[in-house]
Amino acid sequence: MKTQRVQLDISSDIFDKVMFFLENLPKNKVKLNLLNSSKDSLDDEGTNIFSKTAGLLSSHTIDPLAWQKEMRREWDR
């Protein structure tokens, strides 16, 4: 089954009516994913705020194999 995605910005005064309609569509045909549109989770363009920090901590990334070897070295004392 081919699926399509729709994103809606809904005014608070009609939100309940739209949700009532969507929730009464066949469950096997529609999957609802509700997102909170507060400033905490989305910026003005609707992108995730975490995407702006991508790569910010890359300089602090630990090599897992080197970390594991160092831990084992401590255990072998």
Protein backbone atom coordinates (compact mmCIF):
# COMPACT_ATOMS: atom_id res chain seq x y z
CA MET A 1 0.00 0.00 0.00
CA LYS A 2 1.43 3.38 -0.99
CA THR A 3 1.28 5.98 1.76
CA GLN A 4 1.41 9.76 1.73
CA ARG A 5 2.17 12.24 4.51
CA VAL A 6 0.28 15.43 5.36
CA GLN A 7 1.34 18.08 7.85
CA LEU A 8 -1.35 20.46 9.12
CA ASP A 9 -1.07 23.64 11.14
CA ILE A 10 -4.50 23.81 12.76
CA SER A 11 -6.04 26.69 14.66
CA SER A 12 -6.92 25.81 18.25
CA ASP A 13 -10.59 26.62 17.77
CA ILE A 14 -11.10 23.86 15.16
CA PHE A 15 -8.49 21.39 16.37
CA ASP A 16 -11.05 19.17 18.15
CA LYS A 17 -13.25 18.94 15.04
CA VAL A 18 -10.33 18.00 12.79
CA MET A 19 -9.10 15.41 15.30
CA PHE A 20 -12.59 13.93 15.61
CA PHE A 21 -12.67 13.47 11.83
CA LEU A 22 -9.17 11.98 11.64
CA GLU A 23 -9.73 9.63 14.57
CA ASN A 24 -12.86 8.23 12.89
CA LEU A 25 -11.07 7.24 9.69
CA PRO A 26 -10.24 3.51 9.35
CA LYS A 27 -7.39 2.65 11.75
CA ASN A 28 -5.74 0.33 9.21
CA LYS A 29 -5.61 3.17 6.65
CA VAL A 30 -4.52 6.16 8.76
CA LYS A 31 -1.75 6.51 11.34
CA LEU A 32 -1.81 9.71 13.41
CA ASN A 33 1.44 11.19 14.69
CA LEU A 34 0.72 14.23 16.83
CA LEU A 35 3.51 16.77 17.27
CA ASN A 36 3.56 19.52 19.84
CA SER A 37 4.10 22.81 18.03
CA SER A 38 5.45 24.62 21.06
CA LYS A 39 8.64 26.66 20.71
CA ASP A 40 10.39 24.04 22.87
CA SER A 41 10.15 21.34 20.22
CA LEU A 42 9.90 23.21 16.90
CA ASP A 43 11.33 26.43 15.57
CA ASP A 44 9.54 28.87 13.23
CA GLU A 45 10.25 26.82 10.10
CA GLY A 46 8.92 23.66 11.74
CA THR A 47 12.30 21.95 11.84
CA ASN A 48 13.51 20.11 14.86
CA ILE A 49 15.78 22.27 17.05
CA PHE A 50 18.16 19.35 17.43
CA SER A 51 19.00 19.47 13.73
CA LYS A 52 20.70 22.81 14.34
CA THR A 53 23.17 21.17 16.73
CA ALA A 54 24.11 18.30 14.42
CA GLY A 55 27.84 17.79 14.56
CA LEU A 56 28.29 20.13 17.51
CA LEU A 57 29.57 17.34 19.74
CA SER A 58 31.42 15.46 17.01
CA SER A 59 34.75 16.73 18.35
CA HIS A 60 33.89 15.09 21.68
CA THR A 61 33.03 11.70 20.19
CA ILE A 62 34.92 8.88 21.85
CA ASP A 63 36.35 6.04 19.81
CA PRO A 64 34.47 3.08 21.33
CA LEU A 65 37.24 0.56 20.66
CA ALA A 66 39.92 2.76 22.22
CA TRP A 67 37.66 3.41 25.23
CA GLN A 68 37.05 -0.33 25.67
CA LYS A 69 40.78 -1.10 25.50
CA GLU A 70 41.51 1.57 28.12
CA MET A 71 38.84 0.14 30.44
CA ARG A 72 40.30 -3.35 30.08
CA ARG A 73 43.77 -2.00 30.78
CA GLU A 74 42.47 -0.61 34.08
CA TRP A 75 40.91 -3.96 34.96
CA ASP A 76 44.15 -5.86 34.27
CA ARG A 77 46.13 -4.01 36.93
